[in-house]
Amino acid sequence: MMARGREQGSATVWCLMLLGALSLSWIVTMAWGRAVAARHQAGSAADLAALAAADRVFDGTADPCRVATRIARAHGAILRKCEFLGDVVDVVVEARFPALLGALPPAQVRARAGPLVDERALSLASSWAR
């Protein structure tokens, strides 16, 4: 027969502590992944909104900021700033985090689009076309 000592039931406590630590690490990892996904979502929306707006500035067919707003909204983000000077469009887009991470500030990304103006890059691009 085994003697019962002070250590009776200690395995249960250690297992519960291990389970709690594993659960906490899983929650933190999932939250970090969602935050990174929101940042990537904002980045993609900003890039596409800037490109679409720059295309409209170049064509002159529609209001570039309205097009950028529509593109950002279609990608689950909000257009916060849209400015264009000449052919260059500068946009700021933000994407909110999911409900559990709602206390964090939204992910904001800035993107610019416009024609290429660097002379060295222009000569390099023309050499590629040959």
C-alpha atoms as a PDB file:
ATOM      1  CA  MET A   1       0.000   0.000   0.000  1.00  0.00           C
ATOM      2  CA  MET A   2       1.257   3.493  -0.896  1.00  0.00           C
ATOM      3  CA  ALA A   3       1.704   6.109   1.737  1.00  0.00           C
ATOM      4  CA  ARG A   4      -0.210   9.303   1.240  1.00  0.00           C
ATOM      5  CA  GLY A   5       1.854  12.415   1.757  1.00  0.00           C
ATOM      6  CA  ARG A   6       1.692  16.125   1.179  1.00  0.00           C
ATOM      7  CA  GLU A   7       2.116  15.631  -2.576  1.00  0.00           C
ATOM      8  CA  GLN A   8      -1.250  13.979  -3.111  1.00  0.00           C
ATOM      9  CA  GLY A   9      -3.086  15.700  -5.988  1.00  0.00           C
ATOM     10  CA  SER A  10      -0.095  17.807  -7.050  1.00  0.00           C
ATOM     11  CA  ALA A  11      -0.138  16.278 -10.566  1.00  0.00           C
ATOM     12  CA  THR A  12      -3.617  17.718 -11.084  1.00  0.00           C
ATOM     13  CA  VAL A  13      -2.412  21.195 -10.149  1.00  0.00           C
ATOM     14  CA  TRP A  14       0.606  20.938 -12.445  1.00  0.00           C
ATOM     15  CA  CYS A  15      -1.555  19.713 -15.337  1.00  0.00           C
ATOM     16  CA  LEU A  16      -4.007  22.578 -14.849  1.00  0.00           C
ATOM     17  CA  MET A  17      -1.148  25.102 -14.770  1.00  0.00           C
ATOM     18  CA  LEU A  18       0.316  23.626 -17.954  1.00  0.00           C
ATOM     19  CA  LEU A  19      -3.092  23.670 -19.638  1.00  0.00           C
ATOM     20  CA  GLY A  20      -3.568  27.315 -18.624  1.00  0.00           C
ATOM     21  CA  ALA A  21      -0.145  28.300 -19.966  1.00  0.00           C
ATOM     22  CA  LEU A  22      -0.773  26.510 -23.261  1.00  0.00           C
ATOM     23  CA  SER A  23      -4.200  28.134 -23.600  1.00  0.00           C
ATOM     24  CA  LEU A  24      -2.770  31.580 -22.938  1.00  0.00           C
ATOM     25  CA  SER A  25       0.014  31.100 -25.483  1.00  0.00           C
ATOM     26  CA  TRP A  26      -2.549  29.919 -28.063  1.00  0.00           C
ATOM     27  CA  ILE A  27      -4.726  32.995 -27.444  1.00  0.00           C
ATOM     28  CA  VAL A  28      -1.754  35.358 -27.763  1.00  0.00           C
ATOM     29  CA  THR A  29      -0.608  33.647 -30.970  1.00  0.00           C
ATOM     30  CA  MET A  30      -4.085  33.881 -32.512  1.00  0.00           C
ATOM     31  CA  ALA A  31      -4.410  37.548 -31.541  1.00  0.00           C
ATOM     32  CA  TRP A  32      -1.008  38.321 -33.043  1.00  0.00           C
ATOM     33  CA  GLY A  33      -1.999  36.536 -36.254  1.00  0.00           C
ATOM     34  CA  ARG A  34      -5.235  38.529 -36.500  1.00  0.00           C
ATOM     35  CA  ALA A  35      -3.329  41.787 -35.966  1.00  0.00           C
ATOM     36  CA  VAL A  36      -0.880  40.909 -38.740  1.00  0.00           C
ATOM     37  CA  ALA A  37      -3.782  39.967 -41.030  1.00  0.00           C
ATOM     38  CA  ALA A  38      -5.468  43.341 -40.371  1.00  0.00           C
ATOM     39  CA  ARG A  39      -2.215  45.135 -41.215  1.00  0.00           C
ATOM     40  CA  HIS A  40      -1.894  43.201 -44.476  1.00  0.00           C
ATOM     41  CA  GLN A  41      -5.541  43.883 -45.290  1.00  0.00           C
ATOM     42  CA  ALA A  42      -4.987  47.623 -44.807  1.00  0.00           C
ATOM     43  CA  GLY A  43      -1.810  47.486 -46.902  1.00  0.00           C
ATOM     44  CA  SER A  44      -3.500  45.725 -49.798  1.00  0.00           C
ATOM     45  CA  ALA A  45      -6.479  48.060 -49.691  1.00  0.00           C
ATOM     46  CA  ALA A  46      -4.200  51.121 -49.611  1.00  0.00           C
ATOM     47  CA  ASP A  47      -2.106  49.927 -52.550  1.00  0.00           C
ATOM     48  CA  LEU A  48      -5.118  49.101 -54.679  1.00  0.00           C
ATOM     49  CA  ALA A  49      -6.956  52.307 -53.762  1.00  0.00           C
ATOM     50  CA  ALA A  50      -3.911  54.425 -54.641  1.00  0.00           C
ATOM     51  CA  LEU A  51      -3.441  52.643 -57.968  1.00  0.00           C
ATOM     52  CA  ALA A  52      -7.110  52.958 -58.883  1.00  0.00           C
ATOM     53  CA  ALA A  53      -7.171  56.639 -57.941  1.00  0.00           C
ATOM     54  CA  ALA A  54      -3.972  57.334 -59.910  1.00  0.00           C
ATOM     55  CA  ASP A  55      -5.513  55.616 -62.922  1.00  0.00           C
ATOM     56  CA  ARG A  56      -8.554  57.894 -62.649  1.00  0.00           C
ATOM     57  CA  VAL A  57      -6.335  60.975 -62.321  1.00  0.00           C
ATOM     58  CA  PHE A  58      -4.477  59.912 -65.449  1.00  0.00           C
ATOM     59  CA  ASP A  59      -7.704  59.176 -67.377  1.00  0.00           C
ATOM     60  CA  GLY A  60      -9.635  62.118 -65.996  1.00  0.00           C
ATOM     61  CA  THR A  61     -12.829  60.052 -66.150  1.00  0.00           C
ATOM     62  CA  ALA A  62     -13.993  60.017 -62.520  1.00  0.00           C
ATOM     63  CA  ASP A  63     -13.341  61.516 -59.088  1.00  0.00           C
ATOM     64  CA  PRO A  64     -10.187  59.709 -57.921  1.00  0.00           C
ATOM     65  CA  CYS A  65     -11.013  59.883 -54.212  1.00  0.00           C
ATOM     66  CA  ARG A  66     -14.474  58.435 -54.737  1.00  0.00           C
ATOM     67  CA  VAL A  67     -12.933  55.522 -56.621  1.00  0.00           C
ATOM     68  CA  ALA A  68     -10.327  55.056 -53.861  1.00  0.00           C
ATOM     69  CA  THR A  69     -13.090  55.053 -51.232  1.00  0.00           C
ATOM     70  CA  ARG A  70     -15.006  52.393 -53.121  1.00  0.00           C
ATOM     71  CA  ILE A  71     -11.926  50.199 -53.555  1.00  0.00           C
ATOM     72  CA  ALA A  72     -10.929  50.500 -49.876  1.00  0.00           C
ATOM     73  CA  ARG A  73     -14.460  49.673 -48.735  1.00  0.00           C
ATOM     74  CA  ALA A  74     -14.579  46.656 -51.059  1.00  0.00           C
ATOM     75  CA  HIS A  75     -11.488  45.340 -49.264  1.00  0.00           C
ATOM     76  CA  GLY A  76     -12.938  45.810 -45.790  1.00  0.00           C
ATOM     77  CA  ALA A  77     -11.044  49.002 -44.972  1.00  0.00           C
ATOM     78  CA  ILE A  78     -11.828  52.696 -44.548  1.00  0.00           C
ATOM     79  CA  LEU A  79     -10.230  55.486 -46.578  1.00  0.00           C
ATOM     80  CA  ARG A  80      -9.041  58.157 -44.125  1.00  0.00           C
ATOM     81  CA  LYS A  81      -7.148  60.495 -46.454  1.00  0.00           C
ATOM     82  CA  CYS A  82      -7.019  61.004 -50.182  1.00  0.00           C
ATOM     83  CA  GLU A  83      -4.971  63.758 -51.774  1.00  0.00           C
ATOM     84  CA  PHE A  84      -3.691  64.210 -55.263  1.00  0.00           C
ATOM     85  CA  LEU A  85      -1.244  66.729 -56.593  1.00  0.00           C
ATOM     86  CA  GLY A  86      -0.783  66.531 -60.313  1.00  0.00           C
ATOM     87  CA  ASP A  87      -0.649  62.870 -61.232  1.00  0.00           C
ATOM     88  CA  VAL A  88       0.450  61.596 -57.808  1.00  0.00           C
ATOM     89  CA  VAL A  89      -2.172  60.210 -55.425  1.00  0.00           C
ATOM     90  CA  ASP A  90      -1.530  59.781 -51.694  1.00  0.00           C
ATOM     91  CA  VAL A  91      -4.020  57.733 -49.644  1.00  0.00           C
ATOM     92  CA  VAL A  92      -4.244  56.582 -46.020  1.00  0.00           C
ATOM     93  CA  VAL A  93      -6.371  53.515 -45.340  1.00  0.00           C
ATOM     94  CA  GLU A  94      -7.209  51.880 -42.031  1.00  0.00           C
ATOM     95  CA  ALA A  95      -8.496  48.442 -41.159  1.00  0.00           C
ATOM     96  CA  ARG A  96     -10.036  47.662 -37.800  1.00  0.00           C
ATOM     97  CA  PHE A  97      -9.094  44.631 -35.771  1.00  0.00           C
ATOM     98  CA  PRO A  98     -11.620  41.875 -35.047  1.00  0.00           C
ATOM     99  CA  ALA A  99     -13.945  42.148 -32.051  1.00  0.00           C
ATOM    100  CA  LEU A 100     -11.606  40.574 -29.492  1.00  0.00           C
ATOM    101  CA  LEU A 101      -8.824  42.981 -30.424  1.00  0.00           C
ATOM    102  CA  GLY A 102     -11.104  46.013 -30.739  1.00  0.00           C
ATOM    103  CA  ALA A 103      -9.300  47.846 -27.941  1.00  0.00           C
ATOM    104  CA  LEU A 104      -6.223  48.190 -30.158  1.00  0.00           C
ATOM    105  CA  PRO A 105      -5.939  51.168 -32.516  1.00  0.00           C
ATOM    106  CA  PRO A 106      -6.740  50.360 -36.154  1.00  0.00           C
ATOM    107  CA  ALA A 107      -3.960  49.474 -38.579  1.00  0.00           C
ATOM    108  CA  GLN A 108      -3.215  52.480 -40.809  1.00  0.00           C
ATOM    109  CA  VAL A 109      -1.239  52.269 -44.027  1.00  0.00           C
ATOM    110  CA  ARG A 110      -0.183  55.018 -46.438  1.00  0.00           C
ATOM    111  CA  ALA A 111       0.268  54.376 -50.150  1.00  0.00           C
ATOM    112  CA  ARG A 112       1.274  56.554 -53.091  1.00  0.00           C
ATOM    113  CA  ALA A 113       0.807  55.998 -56.772  1.00  0.00           C
ATOM    114  CA  GLY A 114       1.702  58.063 -59.769  1.00  0.00           C
ATOM    115  CA  PRO A 115       3.918  58.222 -62.815  1.00  0.00           C
ATOM    116  CA  LEU A 116       7.588  57.369 -62.708  1.00  0.00           C
ATOM    117  CA  VAL A 117       9.691  60.547 -62.623  1.00  0.00           C
ATOM    118  CA  ASP A 118      13.220  59.376 -61.866  1.00  0.00           C
ATOM    119  CA  GLU A 119      15.380  59.879 -64.972  1.00  0.00           C
ATOM    120  CA  ARG A 120      17.617  56.899 -64.170  1.00  0.00           C
ATOM    121  CA  ALA A 121      14.589  54.672 -63.728  1.00  0.00           C
ATOM    122  CA  LEU A 122      13.103  55.968 -66.979  1.00  0.00           C
ATOM    123  CA  SER A 123      16.284  55.137 -68.893  1.00  0.00           C
ATOM    124  CA  LEU A 124      16.405  51.702 -67.270  1.00  0.00           C
ATOM    125  CA  ALA A 125      12.751  51.074 -68.146  1.00  0.00           C
ATOM    126  CA  SER A 126      13.339  52.127 -71.753  1.00  0.00           C
ATOM    127  CA  SER A 127      16.335  49.796 -71.984  1.00  0.00           C
ATOM    128  CA  TRP A 128      14.142  46.913 -70.802  1.00  0.00           C
ATOM    129  CA  ALA A 129      11.621  47.661 -73.543  1.00  0.00           C
ATOM    130  CA  ARG A 130      14.233  47.151 -76.274  1.00  0.00           C
END
